[in-house]
Amino acid sequence: MMVGGTKSLAGMLGRVLERRVFDGEYGGHSQAVMEAEYGPYDDRSVHVVIVDDLGLVAAGRVIWSPTLDTPTKLETDLGLLDGQLRSFHRLKERYGSSHLSEKATAVIEPRGRASKVTGWLLGELRFQQMCLDETSAHCAMVDVRFSRMLKVWGSSFVPALGLEPFDYLEQLCQPILFPPGTQEQLRSSRLYRVLSEGWFDRVSRPVTTSTLVDLTDVSISL
């Protein structure tokens, strides 16, 4: 597993796998398309990459948004540039911070999806969000099939702004908001036992304060 900013090895490998998986499953995700979609957030992205014996198997990115001047991709895409998402969910009142991060991508090759790899990736993305700000909530735009899996798994989230699923980049997606924290109530039976073990492997470590400056040009192997 490697973690780093966009200019690091983790960032370069992560963007390769993002494009490969998105293009293979949905089509239309050329390098130019991916750069247009995610390039504006590269200087605020933390990338997590997992490599197995066969090569790249999983990757994801967190976009950090400490202020309304640097909105998440979700807020930008939905035209929520005046802080409506943060005020609707009363982030400042509930958590003491209106900071927000976004789990912007999470891609896993088929061979890794029914294994601990999925838990490791999602857990490390959450851990990196906590390192940026342990009190901040985080949002995501997810395929409805993935949101159903998260719900069955026991993940705590609510529909962002109370919105129902809608078509987004030619997929039926659900915008969701997660509270801060490690989520201690995940299921531990059957498939979910493996996912939960991977998750807690990553989120149970002591949180250390990090900044995007720390990660810009380096990959940290974990």
Protein backbone atom coordinates (compact mmCIF):
# COMPACT_ATOMS: atom_id res chain seq x y z
CA MET A 1 0.00 0.00 0.00
CA MET A 2 1.20 3.48 -0.88
CA VAL A 3 -0.15 6.89 0.05
CA GLY A 4 0.87 10.20 -1.51
CA GLY A 5 -0.09 13.36 -3.29
CA THR A 6 -0.87 13.61 -6.98
CA LYS A 7 2.77 14.15 -8.00
CA SER A 8 3.97 11.11 -6.03
CA LEU A 9 4.25 7.53 -7.27
CA ALA A 10 1.00 6.74 -5.47
CA GLY A 11 -0.70 9.60 -7.30
CA MET A 12 0.62 8.55 -10.70
CA LEU A 13 -0.30 4.87 -10.26
CA GLY A 14 -3.66 5.75 -8.74
CA ARG A 15 -4.67 7.84 -11.72
CA VAL A 16 -3.68 4.99 -14.07
CA LEU A 17 -5.97 2.56 -12.26
CA GLU A 18 -8.80 5.07 -11.89
CA ARG A 19 -8.90 5.55 -15.65
CA ARG A 20 -8.48 1.83 -16.42
CA VAL A 21 -11.36 0.71 -14.20
CA PHE A 22 -13.73 3.55 -15.03
CA ASP A 23 -13.14 3.18 -18.75
CA GLY A 24 -13.45 -0.60 -18.64
CA GLU A 25 -16.70 -0.59 -16.71
CA TYR A 26 -18.43 2.53 -17.98
CA GLY A 27 -16.54 3.60 -21.12
CA GLY A 28 -15.78 7.18 -22.09
CA HIS A 29 -13.08 7.77 -19.48
CA SER A 30 -10.13 8.77 -21.60
CA GLN A 31 -7.13 10.49 -20.07
CA ALA A 32 -8.47 13.82 -21.32
CA VAL A 33 -11.84 13.19 -19.66
CA MET A 34 -10.24 12.18 -16.37
CA GLU A 35 -7.98 15.23 -16.36
CA ALA A 36 -10.96 17.50 -17.01
CA GLU A 37 -12.96 15.85 -14.20
CA TYR A 38 -10.28 15.54 -11.53
CA GLY A 39 -7.40 17.79 -12.60
CA PRO A 40 -8.79 20.87 -10.81
CA TYR A 41 -8.55 18.93 -7.53
CA ASP A 42 -5.11 17.37 -7.97
CA ASP A 43 -3.40 19.82 -5.62
CA ARG A 44 -5.88 18.89 -2.88
CA SER A 45 -5.92 15.11 -3.42
CA VAL A 46 -4.45 12.30 -1.33
CA HIS A 47 -4.11 9.01 -3.22
CA VAL A 48 -4.14 5.48 -1.80
CA VAL A 49 -2.86 2.62 -3.98
CA ILE A 50 -2.67 -1.12 -3.29
CA VAL A 51 -0.45 -3.41 -5.37
CA ASP A 52 -0.55 -7.21 -5.25
CA ASP A 53 1.48 -9.91 -7.01
CA LEU A 54 -0.36 -9.22 -10.29
CA GLY A 55 0.04 -5.45 -10.20
CA LEU A 56 -2.30 -2.58 -9.38
CA VAL A 57 -5.42 -3.89 -7.65
CA ALA A 58 -7.04 -0.91 -5.89
CA ALA A 59 -6.84 2.86 -5.76
CA GLY A 60 -8.77 5.79 -4.39
CA ARG A 61 -8.46 9.48 -3.68
CA VAL A 62 -9.57 11.91 -1.02
CA ILE A 63 -10.20 15.55 -1.95
CA TRP A 64 -9.63 17.98 0.92
CA SER A 65 -11.87 21.03 1.27
CA PRO A 66 -11.18 23.19 4.33
CA THR A 67 -13.04 26.25 2.99
CA LEU A 68 -15.81 27.20 0.59
CA ASP A 69 -13.14 28.74 -1.64
CA THR A 70 -11.86 25.20 -2.24
CA PRO A 71 -15.07 23.16 -2.64
CA THR A 72 -15.28 19.40 -3.05
CA LYS A 73 -15.95 17.98 -6.50
CA LEU A 74 -19.41 16.94 -5.35
CA GLU A 75 -20.24 20.48 -4.29
CA THR A 76 -18.92 21.89 -7.56
CA ASP A 77 -20.76 19.39 -9.74
CA LEU A 78 -24.06 19.96 -7.93
CA GLY A 79 -23.71 23.75 -7.85
CA LEU A 80 -23.46 23.90 -4.06
CA LEU A 81 -20.79 26.58 -3.95
CA ASP A 82 -22.44 28.70 -1.26
CA GLY A 83 -22.07 26.08 1.47
CA GLN A 84 -25.56 24.61 1.22
CA LEU A 85 -24.33 21.07 1.86
CA ARG A 86 -22.43 22.08 5.00
CA SER A 87 -25.24 24.25 6.37
CA PHE A 88 -27.98 21.71 5.56
CA HIS A 89 -26.20 19.08 7.65
CA ARG A 90 -25.14 21.61 10.32
CA LEU A 91 -21.54 20.43 10.26
CA LYS A 92 -20.21 23.26 12.45
CA GLU A 93 -22.87 22.76 15.11
CA ARG A 94 -22.64 18.97 15.14
CA TYR A 95 -18.92 18.36 14.77
CA GLY A 96 -17.25 21.65 15.64
CA SER A 97 -15.91 22.12 12.12
CA SER A 98 -17.36 22.98 8.73
CA HIS A 99 -14.34 21.39 7.03
CA LEU A 100 -15.28 18.72 4.51
CA SER A 101 -13.47 16.06 2.56
CA GLU A 102 -14.67 13.89 -0.29
CA LYS A 103 -14.04 10.24 -0.99
CA ALA A 104 -13.87 11.09 -4.67
CA THR A 105 -12.85 7.73 -6.18
CA ALA A 106 -12.52 4.13 -5.04
CA VAL A 107 -11.71 1.59 -7.77
CA ILE A 108 -10.91 -2.09 -7.28
CA GLU A 109 -10.04 -4.69 -9.87
CA PRO A 110 -12.50 -7.64 -9.86
CA ARG A 111 -9.95 -10.00 -8.28
CA GLY A 112 -9.78 -7.80 -5.18
CA ARG A 113 -13.43 -7.01 -4.59
CA ALA A 114 -14.40 -10.00 -2.46
CA SER A 115 -11.27 -9.79 -0.34
CA LYS A 116 -9.70 -7.77 2.44
CA VAL A 117 -8.40 -5.37 -0.27
CA THR A 118 -11.77 -3.58 -0.31
CA GLY A 119 -11.70 -3.05 3.44
CA TRP A 120 -8.07 -1.93 3.34
CA LEU A 121 -8.76 0.65 0.63
CA LEU A 122 -11.88 2.11 2.22
CA GLY A 123 -10.30 2.05 5.67
CA GLU A 124 -7.12 3.81 4.53
CA LEU A 125 -9.14 6.47 2.69
CA ARG A 126 -11.06 7.11 5.91
CA PHE A 127 -7.82 7.16 7.93
CA GLN A 128 -6.30 9.77 5.60
CA GLN A 129 -9.44 11.88 5.96
CA MET A 130 -9.08 11.72 9.73
CA CYS A 131 -5.42 12.69 9.53
CA LEU A 132 -6.35 15.83 7.60
CA ASP A 133 -9.03 16.69 10.18
CA GLU A 134 -10.39 14.17 12.64
CA THR A 135 -13.52 16.28 13.23
CA SER A 136 -14.52 16.73 9.59
CA ALA A 137 -17.39 14.97 7.86
CA HIS A 138 -16.90 13.63 4.36
CA CYS A 139 -19.07 13.18 1.32
CA ALA A 140 -19.14 10.93 -1.73
CA MET A 141 -21.05 10.42 -4.94
CA VAL A 142 -21.51 6.66 -5.28
CA ASP A 143 -23.18 4.20 -7.60
CA VAL A 144 -26.49 3.14 -6.03
CA ARG A 145 -25.30 -0.49 -5.98
CA PHE A 146 -22.32 0.51 -3.87
CA SER A 147 -24.47 2.62 -1.54
CA ARG A 148 -26.69 -0.44 -0.94
CA MET A 149 -23.62 -2.53 -0.12
CA LEU A 150 -22.40 0.13 2.32
CA LYS A 151 -25.81 0.19 4.01
CA VAL A 152 -25.94 -3.60 4.41
CA TRP A 153 -22.36 -3.53 5.70
CA GLY A 154 -23.48 -1.15 8.44
CA SER A 155 -21.74 2.02 7.27
CA SER A 156 -23.19 5.20 8.78
CA PHE A 157 -24.24 7.78 6.22
CA VAL A 158 -27.21 9.85 5.15
CA PRO A 159 -28.30 11.05 1.70
CA ALA A 160 -26.54 14.36 1.07
CA LEU A 161 -29.10 17.18 1.23
CA GLY A 162 -31.74 14.44 1.48
CA LEU A 163 -31.44 13.85 -2.27
CA GLU A 164 -32.70 10.73 -4.01
CA PRO A 165 -30.48 8.88 -6.52
CA PHE A 166 -30.14 10.52 -9.93
CA ASP A 167 -28.19 10.16 -13.17
CA TYR A 168 -24.63 11.42 -12.79
CA LEU A 169 -22.01 10.91 -15.50
CA GLU A 170 -24.31 8.30 -17.09
CA GLN A 171 -24.65 6.31 -13.85
CA LEU A 172 -27.45 6.16 -11.28
CA CYS A 173 -25.72 7.62 -8.23
CA GLN A 174 -26.50 8.61 -4.67
CA PRO A 175 -24.77 11.58 -3.00
CA ILE A 176 -24.05 10.68 0.62
CA LEU A 177 -22.53 12.24 3.72
CA PHE A 178 -20.55 10.35 6.38
CA PRO A 179 -20.05 11.58 9.94
CA PRO A 180 -16.51 11.77 11.36
CA GLY A 181 -15.01 8.74 13.06
CA THR A 182 -14.08 5.13 12.48
CA GLN A 183 -17.57 3.55 12.50
CA GLU A 184 -17.49 0.81 15.11
CA GLN A 185 -20.74 -0.94 14.16
CA LEU A 186 -19.78 -2.64 10.89
CA ARG A 187 -21.01 -6.17 10.27
CA SER A 188 -18.61 -9.03 10.91
CA SER A 189 -20.44 -11.99 9.34
CA ARG A 190 -19.64 -13.82 6.08
CA LEU A 191 -18.21 -11.52 3.40
CA TYR A 192 -18.52 -8.51 5.67
CA ARG A 193 -16.18 -10.09 8.21
CA VAL A 194 -13.33 -9.84 5.69
CA LEU A 195 -14.23 -6.26 4.75
CA SER A 196 -14.49 -5.23 8.38
CA GLU A 197 -11.15 -6.81 9.26
CA GLY A 198 -9.48 -4.84 6.46
CA TRP A 199 -11.25 -1.64 7.50
CA PHE A 200 -10.22 -1.86 11.15
CA ASP A 201 -6.65 -2.81 10.19
CA ARG A 202 -6.35 0.68 8.71
CA VAL A 203 -8.55 2.96 10.84
CA SER A 204 -7.46 1.60 14.23
CA ARG A 205 -3.98 3.16 14.03
CA PRO A 206 -3.22 6.33 16.00
CA VAL A 207 -4.19 9.38 13.95
CA THR A 208 -1.30 11.66 13.07
CA THR A 209 -1.78 15.17 11.78
CA SER A 210 -0.87 15.50 8.11
CA THR A 211 -1.17 18.14 5.44
CA LEU A 212 -1.26 17.93 1.69
CA VAL A 213 2.12 19.64 1.65
CA ASP A 214 3.52 16.57 3.43
CA LEU A 215 2.25 14.31 0.67
CA THR A 216 2.69 16.36 -2.48
CA ASP A 217 5.83 14.79 -3.89
CA VAL A 218 6.24 11.63 -1.85
CA SER A 219 4.70 8.20 -1.54
CA ILE A 220 4.55 6.64 1.90
CA SER A 221 4.62 2.82 1.90
CA LEU A 222 2.45 1.27 4.60
